[in-house]
């Protein structure tokens, strides 16, 4: 990843984190890595642990930022979250959110994998 893309990704994560904090969520961990993949943000929303995928798209010519979270990315996120849960021994509710950022603003999709 080039320096510009890395900086843009970091800025998108910062913006998503600030948006989530303004809505009452608390940061638990940032950029959790396992052999399965990475989770951008791990947050607490009351008694719920939330795994957050942050996506940024400058232009919609190839689809929206949220549309880039396809079934392969979901599978990697789920596997990574399972690793996190085994390590942390969390035994309460959890969910997956997607925060998609674009020139149009922030699209926060709560419980984005419900029904999958």
PDB file of N, CA and C in Angstrom:
ATOM      1  N   UNK A   1       0.844  -1.168   0.000  1.00  0.00           N
ATOM      2  CA  UNK A   1       0.000   0.000   0.000  1.00  0.00           C
ATOM      3  C   UNK A   1       0.895   1.238   0.000  1.00  0.00           C
ATOM      4  N   UNK A   2       0.604   2.199  -0.857  1.00  0.00           N
ATOM      5  CA  UNK A   2       1.410   3.407  -0.925  1.00  0.00           C
ATOM      6  C   UNK A   2       1.168   4.273   0.298  1.00  0.00           C
ATOM      7  N   UNK A   3       2.071   5.223   0.510  1.00  0.00           N
ATOM      8  CA  UNK A   3       1.947   6.118   1.650  1.00  0.00           C
ATOM      9  C   UNK A   3       0.664   6.923   1.622  1.00  0.00           C
ATOM     10  N   UNK A   4       0.269   7.386   0.419  1.00  0.00           N
ATOM     11  CA  UNK A   4      -0.970   8.166   0.300  1.00  0.00           C
ATOM     12  C   UNK A   4      -2.185   7.327   0.667  1.00  0.00           C
ATOM     13  N   UNK A   5      -2.225   6.100   0.186  1.00  0.00           N
ATOM     14  CA  UNK A   5      -3.362   5.218   0.494  1.00  0.00           C
ATOM     15  C   UNK A   5      -3.386   4.862   1.977  1.00  0.00           C
ATOM     16  N   UNK A   6      -2.210   4.639   2.537  1.00  0.00           N
ATOM     17  CA  UNK A   6      -2.122   4.319   3.965  1.00  0.00           C
ATOM     18  C   UNK A   6      -2.609   5.506   4.807  1.00  0.00           C
ATOM     19  N   UNK A   7      -2.210   6.704   4.423  1.00  0.00           N
ATOM     20  CA  UNK A   7      -2.645   7.908   5.131  1.00  0.00           C
ATOM     21  C   UNK A   7      -4.157   8.102   4.988  1.00  0.00           C
ATOM     22  N   UNK A   8      -4.689   7.848   3.803  1.00  0.00           N
ATOM     23  CA  UNK A   8      -6.135   7.970   3.585  1.00  0.00           C
ATOM     24  C   UNK A   8      -6.885   6.942   4.423  1.00  0.00           C
ATOM     25  N   UNK A   9      -6.353   5.726   4.498  1.00  0.00           N
ATOM     26  CA  UNK A   9      -6.973   4.681   5.314  1.00  0.00           C
ATOM     27  C   UNK A   9      -6.958   5.039   6.790  1.00  0.00           C
ATOM     28  N   UNK A  10      -5.857   5.575   7.251  1.00  0.00           N
ATOM     29  CA  UNK A  10      -5.747   5.987   8.656  1.00  0.00           C
ATOM     30  C   UNK A  10      -6.724   7.134   8.947  1.00  0.00           C
ATOM     31  N   UNK A  11      -6.817   8.089   8.026  1.00  0.00           N
ATOM     32  CA  UNK A  11      -7.747   9.211   8.196  1.00  0.00           C
ATOM     33  C   UNK A  11      -9.195   8.715   8.231  1.00  0.00           C
ATOM     34  N   UNK A  12      -9.511   7.737   7.382  1.00  0.00           N
ATOM     35  CA  UNK A  12     -10.870   7.171   7.371  1.00  0.00           C
ATOM     36  C   UNK A  12     -11.164   6.479   8.699  1.00  0.00           C
ATOM     37  N   UNK A  13     -10.205   5.712   9.207  1.00  0.00           N
ATOM     38  CA  UNK A  13     -10.389   5.059  10.514  1.00  0.00           C
ATOM     39  C   UNK A  13     -10.564   6.091  11.624  1.00  0.00           C
ATOM     40  N   UNK A  14      -9.769   7.164  11.574  1.00  0.00           N
ATOM     41  CA  UNK A  14      -9.893   8.221  12.580  1.00  0.00           C
ATOM     42  C   UNK A  14     -11.288   8.841  12.535  1.00  0.00           C
ATOM     43  N   UNK A  15     -11.788   9.118  11.329  1.00  0.00           N
ATOM     44  CA  UNK A  15     -13.114   9.723  11.169  1.00  0.00           C
ATOM     45  C   UNK A  15     -14.208   8.774  11.656  1.00  0.00           C
ATOM     46  N   UNK A  16     -14.072   7.496  11.324  1.00  0.00           N
ATOM     47  CA  UNK A  16     -15.060   6.505  11.770  1.00  0.00           C
ATOM     48  C   UNK A  16     -15.041   6.383  13.287  1.00  0.00           C
ATOM     49  N   UNK A  17     -13.857   6.333  13.863  1.00  0.00           N
ATOM     50  CA  UNK A  17     -13.725   6.229  15.314  1.00  0.00           C
ATOM     51  C   UNK A  17     -14.377   7.428  16.000  1.00  0.00           C
ATOM     52  N   UNK A  18     -14.126   8.611  15.494  1.00  0.00           N
ATOM     53  CA  UNK A  18     -14.724   9.814  16.083  1.00  0.00           C
ATOM     54  C   UNK A  18     -16.248   9.776  15.970  1.00  0.00           C
ATOM     55  N   UNK A  19     -16.750   9.344  14.821  1.00  0.00           N
ATOM     56  CA  UNK A  19     -18.205   9.235  14.622  1.00  0.00           C
ATOM     57  C   UNK A  19     -18.822   8.255  15.624  1.00  0.00           C
ATOM     58  N   UNK A  20     -18.189   7.116  15.802  1.00  0.00           N
ATOM     59  CA  UNK A  20     -18.707   6.110  16.722  1.00  0.00           C
ATOM     60  C   UNK A  20     -18.631   6.591  18.171  1.00  0.00           C
ATOM     61  N   UNK A  21     -17.537   7.256  18.522  1.00  0.00           N
ATOM     62  CA  UNK A  21     -17.413   7.806  19.888  1.00  0.00           C
ATOM     63  C   UNK A  21     -18.491   8.851  20.155  1.00  0.00           C
ATOM     64  N   UNK A  22     -18.779   9.684  19.166  1.00  0.00           N
ATOM     65  CA  UNK A  22     -19.819  10.698  19.333  1.00  0.00           C
ATOM     66  C   UNK A  22     -21.195  10.064  19.524  1.00  0.00           C
ATOM     67  N   UNK A  23     -21.325   8.812  19.113  1.00  0.00           N
ATOM     68  CA  UNK A  23     -22.578   8.084  19.286  1.00  0.00           C
ATOM     69  C   UNK A  23     -22.529   7.127  20.472  1.00  0.00           C
ATOM     70  N   UNK A  24     -21.597   7.373  21.394  1.00  0.00           N
ATOM     71  CA  UNK A  24     -21.580   6.667  22.666  1.00  0.00           C
ATOM     72  C   UNK A  24     -20.784   5.377  22.723  1.00  0.00           C
ATOM     73  N   UNK A  25     -20.094   5.021  21.658  1.00  0.00           N
ATOM     74  CA  UNK A  25     -19.317   3.775  21.684  1.00  0.00           C
ATOM     75  C   UNK A  25     -17.924   4.027  22.261  1.00  0.00           C
ATOM     76  N   UNK A  26     -17.332   2.981  22.825  1.00  0.00           N
ATOM     77  CA  UNK A  26     -16.016   3.062  23.453  1.00  0.00           C
ATOM     78  C   UNK A  26     -15.030   2.164  22.705  1.00  0.00           C
ATOM     79  N   UNK A  27     -13.842   2.680  22.453  1.00  0.00           N
ATOM     80  CA  UNK A  27     -12.806   1.908  21.770  1.00  0.00           C
ATOM     81  C   UNK A  27     -12.225   0.858  22.706  1.00  0.00           C
ATOM     82  N   UNK A  28     -12.149  -0.384  22.214  1.00  0.00           N
ATOM     83  CA  UNK A  28     -11.513  -1.478  22.942  1.00  0.00           C
ATOM     84  C   UNK A  28     -10.139  -1.756  22.336  1.00  0.00           C
ATOM     85  N   UNK A  29     -10.096  -1.831  21.010  1.00  0.00           N
ATOM     86  CA  UNK A  29      -8.839  -2.134  20.328  1.00  0.00           C
ATOM     87  C   UNK A  29      -8.913  -1.633  18.893  1.00  0.00           C
ATOM     88  N   UNK A  30      -7.763  -1.241  18.382  1.00  0.00           N
ATOM     89  CA  UNK A  30      -7.673  -0.752  17.009  1.00  0.00           C
ATOM     90  C   UNK A  30      -6.722  -1.640  16.223  1.00  0.00           C
ATOM     91  N   UNK A  31      -7.100  -1.969  15.001  1.00  0.00           N
ATOM     92  CA  UNK A  31      -6.281  -2.768  14.090  1.00  0.00           C
ATOM     93  C   UNK A  31      -5.863  -4.110  14.704  1.00  0.00           C
ATOM     94  N   UNK A  32      -6.852  -4.864  15.163  1.00  0.00           N
ATOM     95  CA  UNK A  32      -6.590  -6.201  15.711  1.00  0.00           C
ATOM     96  C   UNK A  32      -6.181  -7.120  14.561  1.00  0.00           C
ATOM     97  N   UNK A  33      -5.028  -7.758  14.714  1.00  0.00           N
ATOM     98  CA  UNK A  33      -4.507  -8.672  13.695  1.00  0.00           C
ATOM     99  C   UNK A  33      -4.491 -10.099  14.207  1.00  0.00           C
ATOM    100  N   UNK A  34      -4.866 -11.019  13.332  1.00  0.00           N
ATOM    101  CA  UNK A  34      -4.695 -12.446  13.603  1.00  0.00           C
ATOM    102  C   UNK A  34      -4.242 -13.090  12.299  1.00  0.00           C
ATOM    103  N   UNK A  35      -4.017 -14.386  12.329  1.00  0.00           N
ATOM    104  CA  UNK A  35      -3.607 -15.083  11.108  1.00  0.00           C
ATOM    105  C   UNK A  35      -4.715 -15.054  10.058  1.00  0.00           C
ATOM    106  N   UNK A  36      -5.935 -14.800  10.495  1.00  0.00           N
ATOM    107  CA  UNK A  36      -7.083 -14.780   9.577  1.00  0.00           C
ATOM    108  C   UNK A  36      -7.277 -13.448   8.879  1.00  0.00           C
ATOM    109  N   UNK A  37      -6.833 -12.368   9.511  1.00  0.00           N
ATOM    110  CA  UNK A  37      -7.040 -11.052   8.930  1.00  0.00           C
ATOM    111  C   UNK A  37      -6.957  -9.950   9.966  1.00  0.00           C
ATOM    112  N   UNK A  38      -7.586  -8.825   9.645  1.00  0.00           N
ATOM    113  CA  UNK A  38      -7.541  -7.654  10.507  1.00  0.00           C
ATOM    114  C   UNK A  38      -8.949  -7.107  10.728  1.00  0.00           C
ATOM    115  N   UNK A  39      -9.177  -6.615  11.933  1.00  0.00           N
ATOM    116  CA  UNK A  39     -10.402  -5.901  12.247  1.00  0.00           C
ATOM    117  C   UNK A  39      -9.988  -4.468  12.569  1.00  0.00           C
ATOM    118  N   UNK A  40     -10.583  -3.517  11.856  1.00  0.00           N
ATOM    119  CA  UNK A  40     -10.171  -2.127  11.990  1.00  0.00           C
ATOM    120  C   UNK A  40     -10.395  -1.593  13.398  1.00  0.00           C
ATOM    121  N   UNK A  41     -11.603  -1.757  13.907  1.00  0.00           N
ATOM    122  CA  UNK A  41     -11.933  -1.247  15.235  1.00  0.00           C
ATOM    123  C   UNK A  41     -12.736  -2.290  16.002  1.00  0.00           C
ATOM    124  N   UNK A  42     -12.403  -2.468  17.261  1.00  0.00           N
ATOM    125  CA  UNK A  42     -13.219  -3.270  18.177  1.00  0.00           C
ATOM    126  C   UNK A  42     -13.747  -2.269  19.194  1.00  0.00           C
ATOM    127  N   UNK A  43     -15.073  -2.169  19.286  1.00  0.00           N
ATOM    128  CA  UNK A  43     -15.717  -1.154  20.112  1.00  0.00           C
ATOM    129  C   UNK A  43     -16.688  -1.813  21.088  1.00  0.00           C
ATOM    130  N   UNK A  44     -17.083  -1.047  22.108  1.00  0.00           N
ATOM    131  CA  UNK A  44     -18.151  -1.478  23.011  1.00  0.00           C
ATOM    132  C   UNK A  44     -19.319  -0.542  22.824  1.00  0.00           C
ATOM    133  N   UNK A  45     -20.485  -1.115  22.662  1.00  0.00           N
ATOM    134  CA  UNK A  45     -21.735  -0.371  22.592  1.00  0.00           C
ATOM    135  C   UNK A  45     -22.597  -0.914  23.719  1.00  0.00           C
ATOM    136  N   UNK A  46     -22.476  -0.316  24.896  1.00  0.00           N
ATOM    137  CA  UNK A  46     -23.125  -0.862  26.085  1.00  0.00           C
ATOM    138  C   UNK A  46     -22.512  -2.208  26.419  1.00  0.00           C
ATOM    139  N   UNK A  47     -23.344  -3.252  26.473  1.00  0.00           N
ATOM    140  CA  UNK A  47     -22.872  -4.607  26.764  1.00  0.00           C
ATOM    141  C   UNK A  47     -22.585  -5.412  25.508  1.00  0.00           C
ATOM    142  N   UNK A  48     -22.511  -4.758  24.368  1.00  0.00           N
ATOM    143  CA  UNK A  48     -22.268  -5.447  23.097  1.00  0.00           C
ATOM    144  C   UNK A  48     -20.877  -5.114  22.589  1.00  0.00           C
ATOM    145  N   UNK A  49     -20.141  -6.141  22.194  1.00  0.00           N
ATOM    146  CA  UNK A  49     -18.844  -5.959  21.559  1.00  0.00           C
ATOM    147  C   UNK A  49     -19.096  -5.823  20.058  1.00  0.00           C
ATOM    148  N   UNK A  50     -18.511  -4.806  19.451  1.00  0.00           N
ATOM    149  CA  UNK A  50     -18.780  -4.509  18.045  1.00  0.00           C
ATOM    150  C   UNK A  50     -17.480  -4.558  17.250  1.00  0.00           C
ATOM    151  N   UNK A  51     -17.472  -5.391  16.211  1.00  0.00           N
ATOM    152  CA  UNK A  51     -16.353  -5.475  15.287  1.00  0.00           C
ATOM    153  C   UNK A  51     -16.690  -4.568  14.106  1.00  0.00           C
ATOM    154  N   UNK A  52     -15.841  -3.570  13.875  1.00  0.00           N
ATOM    155  CA  UNK A  52     -16.148  -2.535  12.887  1.00  0.00           C
ATOM    156  C   UNK A  52     -15.182  -2.611  11.709  1.00  0.00           C
ATOM    157  N   UNK A  53     -15.740  -2.710  10.528  1.00  0.00           N
ATOM    158  CA  UNK A  53     -14.973  -2.629   9.291  1.00  0.00           C
ATOM    159  C   UNK A  53     -15.164  -1.216   8.740  1.00  0.00           C
ATOM    160  N   UNK A  54     -14.066  -0.525   8.496  1.00  0.00           N
ATOM    161  CA  UNK A  54     -14.101   0.833   7.956  1.00  0.00           C
ATOM    162  C   UNK A  54     -13.724   0.777   6.482  1.00  0.00           C
ATOM    163  N   UNK A  55     -14.558   1.380   5.645  1.00  0.00           N
ATOM    164  CA  UNK A  55     -14.304   1.415   4.199  1.00  0.00           C
ATOM    165  C   UNK A  55     -14.387   2.853   3.721  1.00  0.00           C
ATOM    166  N   UNK A  56     -13.508   3.196   2.786  1.00  0.00           N
ATOM    167  CA  UNK A  56     -13.491   4.545   2.224  1.00  0.00           C
ATOM    168  C   UNK A  56     -13.432   4.454   0.706  1.00  0.00           C
ATOM    169  N   UNK A  57     -14.229   5.269   0.075  1.00  0.00           N
ATOM    170  CA  UNK A  57     -14.206   5.409  -1.383  1.00  0.00           C
ATOM    171  C   UNK A  57     -14.294   6.880  -1.718  1.00  0.00           C
ATOM    172  N   UNK A  58     -13.331   7.364  -2.483  1.00  0.00           N
ATOM    173  CA  UNK A  58     -13.357   8.759  -2.903  1.00  0.00           C
ATOM    174  C   UNK A  58     -14.438   8.979  -3.961  1.00  0.00           C
ATOM    175  N   UNK A  59     -14.630   7.966  -4.839  1.00  0.00           N
ATOM    176  CA  UNK A  59     -15.618   8.056  -5.914  1.00  0.00           C
ATOM    177  C   UNK A  59     -16.459   6.795  -5.949  1.00  0.00           C
ATOM    178  N   UNK A  60     -17.689   6.931  -6.403  1.00  0.00           N
ATOM    179  CA  UNK A  60     -18.605   5.789  -6.487  1.00  0.00           C
ATOM    180  C   UNK A  60     -18.592   5.121  -7.859  1.00  0.00           C
ATOM    181  N   UNK A  61     -17.658   5.449  -8.704  1.00  0.00           N
ATOM    182  CA  UNK A  61     -17.649   4.906 -10.063  1.00  0.00           C
ATOM    183  C   UNK A  61     -17.526   3.384 -10.086  1.00  0.00           C
ATOM    184  N   UNK A  62     -16.954   2.807  -9.062  1.00  0.00           N
ATOM    185  CA  UNK A  62     -16.831   1.347  -8.962  1.00  0.00           C
ATOM    186  C   UNK A  62     -17.660   0.790  -7.813  1.00  0.00           C
ATOM    187  N   UNK A  63     -18.707   1.512  -7.426  1.00  0.00           N
ATOM    188  CA  UNK A  63     -19.567   1.078  -6.333  1.00  0.00           C
ATOM    189  C   UNK A  63     -19.293   1.858  -5.064  1.00  0.00           C
ATOM    190  N   UNK A  64     -20.200   1.732  -4.120  1.00  0.00           N
ATOM    191  CA  UNK A  64     -20.056   2.444  -2.854  1.00  0.00           C
ATOM    192  C   UNK A  64     -19.037   1.742  -1.959  1.00  0.00           C
ATOM    193  N   UNK A  65     -18.597   2.450  -0.936  1.00  0.00           N
ATOM    194  CA  UNK A  65     -17.652   1.872   0.017  1.00  0.00           C
ATOM    195  C   UNK A  65     -18.243   0.645   0.691  1.00  0.00           C
ATOM    196  N   UNK A  66     -19.519   0.710   1.070  1.00  0.00           N
ATOM    197  CA  UNK A  66     -20.168  -0.418   1.747  1.00  0.00           C
ATOM    198  C   UNK A  66     -20.244  -1.644   0.854  1.00  0.00           C
ATOM    199  N   UNK A  67     -20.398  -1.440  -0.442  1.00  0.00           N
ATOM    200  CA  UNK A  67     -20.501  -2.570  -1.377  1.00  0.00           C
ATOM    201  C   UNK A  67     -19.206  -3.350  -1.511  1.00  0.00           C
ATOM    202  N   UNK A  68     -18.094  -2.795  -1.039  1.00  0.00           N
ATOM    203  CA  UNK A  68     -16.819  -3.504  -1.136  1.00  0.00           C
ATOM    204  C   UNK A  68     -16.665  -4.575  -0.059  1.00  0.00           C
ATOM    205  N   UNK A  69     -17.596  -4.638   0.872  1.00  0.00           N
ATOM    206  CA  UNK A  69     -17.560  -5.692   1.897  1.00  0.00           C
ATOM    207  C   UNK A  69     -18.355  -6.876   1.348  1.00  0.00           C
ATOM    208  N   UNK A  70     -17.681  -7.683   0.527  1.00  0.00           N
ATOM    209  CA  UNK A  70     -18.326  -8.827  -0.119  1.00  0.00           C
ATOM    210  C   UNK A  70     -18.260 -10.065   0.775  1.00  0.00           C
ATOM    211  N   UNK A  71     -18.750 -11.179   0.270  1.00  0.00           N
ATOM    212  CA  UNK A  71     -18.809 -12.399   1.093  1.00  0.00           C
ATOM    213  C   UNK A  71     -17.430 -12.874   1.524  1.00  0.00           C
ATOM    214  N   UNK A  72     -16.406 -12.672   0.692  1.00  0.00           N
ATOM    215  CA  UNK A  72     -15.046 -13.083   1.080  1.00  0.00           C
ATOM    216  C   UNK A  72     -14.536 -12.240   2.243  1.00  0.00           C
ATOM    217  N   UNK A  73     -14.770 -10.917   2.171  1.00  0.00           N
ATOM    218  CA  UNK A  73     -14.336 -10.031   3.246  1.00  0.00           C
ATOM    219  C   UNK A  73     -15.108 -10.355   4.526  1.00  0.00           C
ATOM    220  N   UNK A  74     -16.401 -10.639   4.398  1.00  0.00           N
ATOM    221  CA  UNK A  74     -17.197 -11.006   5.570  1.00  0.00           C
ATOM    222  C   UNK A  74     -16.649 -12.266   6.217  1.00  0.00           C
ATOM    223  N   UNK A  75     -16.318 -13.251   5.415  1.00  0.00           N
ATOM    224  CA  UNK A  75     -15.776 -14.510   5.954  1.00  0.00           C
ATOM    225  C   UNK A  75     -14.477 -14.261   6.710  1.00  0.00           C
ATOM    226  N   UNK A  76     -13.605 -13.415   6.173  1.00  0.00           N
ATOM    227  CA  UNK A  76     -12.350 -13.090   6.857  1.00  0.00           C
ATOM    228  C   UNK A  76     -12.613 -12.353   8.167  1.00  0.00           C
ATOM    229  N   UNK A  77     -13.560 -11.431   8.138  1.00  0.00           N
ATOM    230  CA  UNK A  77     -13.883 -10.692   9.358  1.00  0.00           C
ATOM    231  C   UNK A  77     -14.456 -11.610  10.431  1.00  0.00           C
ATOM    232  N   UNK A  78     -15.324 -12.502  10.031  1.00  0.00           N
ATOM    233  CA  UNK A  78     -15.927 -13.445  10.983  1.00  0.00           C
ATOM    234  C   UNK A  78     -14.856 -14.356  11.584  1.00  0.00           C
ATOM    235  N   UNK A  79     -13.963 -14.872  10.752  1.00  0.00           N
ATOM    236  CA  UNK A  79     -12.890 -15.745  11.251  1.00  0.00           C
ATOM    237  C   UNK A  79     -11.962 -14.980  12.200  1.00  0.00           C
ATOM    238  N   UNK A  80     -11.655 -13.749  11.868  1.00  0.00           N
ATOM    239  CA  UNK A  80     -10.797 -12.935  12.728  1.00  0.00           C
ATOM    240  C   UNK A  80     -11.494 -12.629  14.045  1.00  0.00           C
ATOM    241  N   UNK A  81     -12.789 -12.335  13.993  1.00  0.00           N
ATOM    242  CA  UNK A  81     -13.553 -12.079  15.215  1.00  0.00           C
ATOM    243  C   UNK A  81     -13.604 -13.324  16.097  1.00  0.00           C
ATOM    244  N   UNK A  82     -13.731 -14.496  15.494  1.00  0.00           N
ATOM    245  CA  UNK A  82     -13.734 -15.732  16.280  1.00  0.00           C
ATOM    246  C   UNK A  82     -12.420 -15.894  17.025  1.00  0.00           C
ATOM    247  N   UNK A  83     -11.317 -15.566  16.364  1.00  0.00           N
ATOM    248  CA  UNK A  83     -10.010 -15.623  17.017  1.00  0.00           C
ATOM    249  C   UNK A  83      -9.957 -14.638  18.182  1.00  0.00           C
ATOM    250  N   UNK A  84     -10.463 -13.437  17.954  1.00  0.00           N
ATOM    251  CA  UNK A  84     -10.496 -12.425  19.014  1.00  0.00           C
ATOM    252  C   UNK A  84     -11.324 -12.912  20.200  1.00  0.00           C
ATOM    253  N   UNK A  85     -12.487 -13.465  19.916  1.00  0.00           N
ATOM    254  CA  UNK A  85     -13.376 -13.922  20.986  1.00  0.00           C
ATOM    255  C   UNK A  85     -12.761 -15.062  21.785  1.00  0.00           C
ATOM    256  N   UNK A  86     -12.057 -15.956  21.132  1.00  0.00           N
ATOM    257  CA  UNK A  86     -11.388 -17.043  21.847  1.00  0.00           C
ATOM    258  C   UNK A  86     -10.309 -16.498  22.768  1.00  0.00           C
ATOM    259  N   UNK A  87      -9.574 -15.510  22.293  1.00  0.00           N
ATOM    260  CA  UNK A  87      -8.499 -14.916  23.078  1.00  0.00           C
ATOM    261  C   UNK A  87      -9.048 -14.108  24.242  1.00  0.00           C
ATOM    262  N   UNK A  88     -10.143 -13.371  23.999  1.00  0.00           N
ATOM    263  CA  UNK A  88     -10.656 -12.448  25.018  1.00  0.00           C
ATOM    264  C   UNK A  88     -11.629 -13.107  25.991  1.00  0.00           C
ATOM    265  N   UNK A  89     -12.184 -14.244  25.605  1.00  0.00           N
ATOM    266  CA  UNK A  89     -13.181 -14.949  26.426  1.00  0.00           C
ATOM    267  C   UNK A  89     -14.450 -14.119  26.638  1.00  0.00           C
ATOM    268  N   UNK A  90     -14.758 -13.249  25.691  1.00  0.00           N
ATOM    269  CA  UNK A  90     -15.992 -12.443  25.739  1.00  0.00           C
ATOM    270  C   UNK A  90     -17.178 -13.376  25.620  1.00  0.00           C
ATOM    271  N   UNK A  91     -18.159 -13.246  26.485  1.00  0.00           N
ATOM    272  CA  UNK A  91     -19.297 -14.162  26.496  1.00  0.00           C
ATOM    273  C   UNK A  91     -20.639 -13.453  26.400  1.00  0.00           C
ATOM    274  N   UNK A  92     -20.630 -12.237  25.924  1.00  0.00           N
ATOM    275  CA  UNK A  92     -21.876 -11.489  25.758  1.00  0.00           C
ATOM    276  C   UNK A  92     -22.135 -11.280  24.279  1.00  0.00           C
ATOM    277  N   UNK A  93     -23.138 -10.469  23.993  1.00  0.00           N
ATOM    278  CA  UNK A  93     -23.518 -10.222  22.602  1.00  0.00           C
ATOM    279  C   UNK A  93     -22.395  -9.539  21.821  1.00  0.00           C
ATOM    280  N   UNK A  94     -22.348  -9.822  20.532  1.00  0.00           N
ATOM    281  CA  UNK A  94     -21.438  -9.117  19.643  1.00  0.00           C
ATOM    282  C   UNK A  94     -22.126  -8.939  18.293  1.00  0.00           C
ATOM    283  N   UNK A  95     -21.594  -7.994  17.512  1.00  0.00           N
ATOM    284  CA  UNK A  95     -22.145  -7.746  16.184  1.00  0.00           C
ATOM    285  C   UNK A  95     -21.059  -7.171  15.294  1.00  0.00           C
ATOM    286  N   UNK A  96     -21.379  -7.091  14.005  1.00  0.00           N
ATOM    287  CA  UNK A  96     -20.480  -6.512  13.014  1.00  0.00           C
ATOM    288  C   UNK A  96     -21.133  -5.262  12.437  1.00  0.00           C
ATOM    289  N   UNK A  97     -20.407  -4.159  12.478  1.00  0.00           N
ATOM    290  CA  UNK A  97     -20.856  -2.919  11.859  1.00  0.00           C
ATOM    291  C   UNK A  97     -19.903  -2.565  10.724  1.00  0.00           C
ATOM    292  N   UNK A  98     -20.421  -1.842   9.755  1.00  0.00           N
ATOM    293  CA  UNK A  98     -19.591  -1.296   8.678  1.00  0.00           C
ATOM    294  C   UNK A  98     -19.771   0.212   8.707  1.00  0.00           C
ATOM    295  N   UNK A  99     -18.652   0.922   8.693  1.00  0.00           N
ATOM    296  CA  UNK A  99     -18.690   2.370   8.559  1.00  0.00           C
ATOM    297  C   UNK A  99     -18.082   2.690   7.203  1.00  0.00           C
ATOM    298  N   UNK A 100     -18.925   3.179   6.304  1.00  0.00           N
ATOM    299  CA  UNK A 100     -18.509   3.493   4.939  1.00  0.00           C
ATOM    300  C   UNK A 100     -18.431   5.005   4.799  1.00  0.00           C
ATOM    301  N   UNK A 101     -17.259   5.475   4.415  1.00  0.00           N
ATOM    302  CA  UNK A 101     -17.045   6.913   4.263  1.00  0.00           C
ATOM    303  C   UNK A 101     -16.835   7.245   2.796  1.00  0.00           C
ATOM    304  N   UNK A 102     -17.392   8.384   2.401  1.00  0.00           N
ATOM    305  CA  UNK A 102     -17.226   8.872   1.033  1.00  0.00           C
ATOM    306  C   UNK A 102     -17.344  10.389   1.062  1.00  0.00           C
ATOM    307  N   UNK A 103     -17.247  10.989  -0.098  1.00  0.00           N
ATOM    308  CA  UNK A 103     -17.416  12.441  -0.193  1.00  0.00           C
ATOM    309  C   UNK A 103     -18.813  12.850   0.262  1.00  0.00           C
ATOM    310  N   UNK A 104     -19.767  11.916   0.195  1.00  0.00           N
ATOM    311  CA  UNK A 104     -21.146  12.200   0.609  1.00  0.00           C
ATOM    312  C   UNK A 104     -21.324  12.169   2.116  1.00  0.00           C
ATOM    313  N   UNK A 105     -20.359  11.643   2.855  1.00  0.00           N
ATOM    314  CA  UNK A 105     -20.469  11.588   4.305  1.00  0.00           C
ATOM    315  C   UNK A 105     -20.229  10.192   4.860  1.00  0.00           C
ATOM    316  N   UNK A 106     -20.834   9.926   6.017  1.00  0.00           N
ATOM    317  CA  UNK A 106     -20.649   8.674   6.748  1.00  0.00           C
ATOM    318  C   UNK A 106     -21.927   7.847   6.673  1.00  0.00           C
ATOM    319  N   UNK A 107     -21.770   6.590   6.299  1.00  0.00           N
ATOM    320  CA  UNK A 107     -22.883   5.639   6.304  1.00  0.00           C
ATOM    321  C   UNK A 107     -22.537   4.553   7.313  1.00  0.00           C
ATOM    322  N   UNK A 108     -23.193   4.573   8.465  1.00  0.00           N
ATOM    323  CA  UNK A 108     -22.933   3.607   9.531  1.00  0.00           C
ATOM    324  C   UNK A 108     -23.990   2.520   9.436  1.00  0.00           C
ATOM    325  N   UNK A 109     -23.565   1.319   9.100  1.00  0.00           N
ATOM    326  CA  UNK A 109     -24.480   0.182   8.967  1.00  0.00           C
ATOM    327  C   UNK A 109     -24.302  -0.688  10.197  1.00  0.00           C
ATOM    328  N   UNK A 110     -25.250  -0.586  11.102  1.00  0.00           N
ATOM    329  CA  UNK A 110     -25.210  -1.380  12.337  1.00  0.00           C
ATOM    330  C   UNK A 110     -25.687  -2.805  12.037  1.00  0.00           C
ATOM    331  N   UNK A 111     -25.058  -3.753  12.697  1.00  0.00           N
ATOM    332  CA  UNK A 111     -25.428  -5.163  12.544  1.00  0.00           C
ATOM    333  C   UNK A 111     -25.466  -5.542  11.069  1.00  0.00           C
ATOM    334  N   UNK A 112     -24.405  -5.201  10.372  1.00  0.00           N
ATOM    335  CA  UNK A 112     -24.344  -5.306   8.907  1.00  0.00           C
ATOM    336  C   UNK A 112     -24.434  -6.741   8.405  1.00  0.00           C
ATOM    337  N   UNK A 113     -24.106  -7.725   9.222  1.00  0.00           N
ATOM    338  CA  UNK A 113     -24.106  -9.113   8.756  1.00  0.00           C
ATOM    339  C   UNK A 113     -25.342  -9.866   9.212  1.00  0.00           C
ATOM    340  N   UNK A 114     -26.300  -9.199   9.794  1.00  0.00           N
ATOM    341  CA  UNK A 114     -27.509  -9.864  10.264  1.00  0.00           C
ATOM    342  C   UNK A 114     -28.164 -10.614   9.096  1.00  0.00           C
ATOM    343  N   UNK A 115     -28.518 -11.830   9.339  1.00  0.00           N
ATOM    344  CA  UNK A 115     -29.162 -12.637   8.310  1.00  0.00           C
ATOM    345  C   UNK A 115     -28.191 -13.429   7.466  1.00  0.00           C
ATOM    346  N   UNK A 116     -26.887 -13.199   7.648  1.00  0.00           N
ATOM    347  CA  UNK A 116     -25.892 -13.971   6.884  1.00  0.00           C
ATOM    348  C   UNK A 116     -25.596 -15.294   7.551  1.00  0.00           C
TER     349      UNK A 116
END
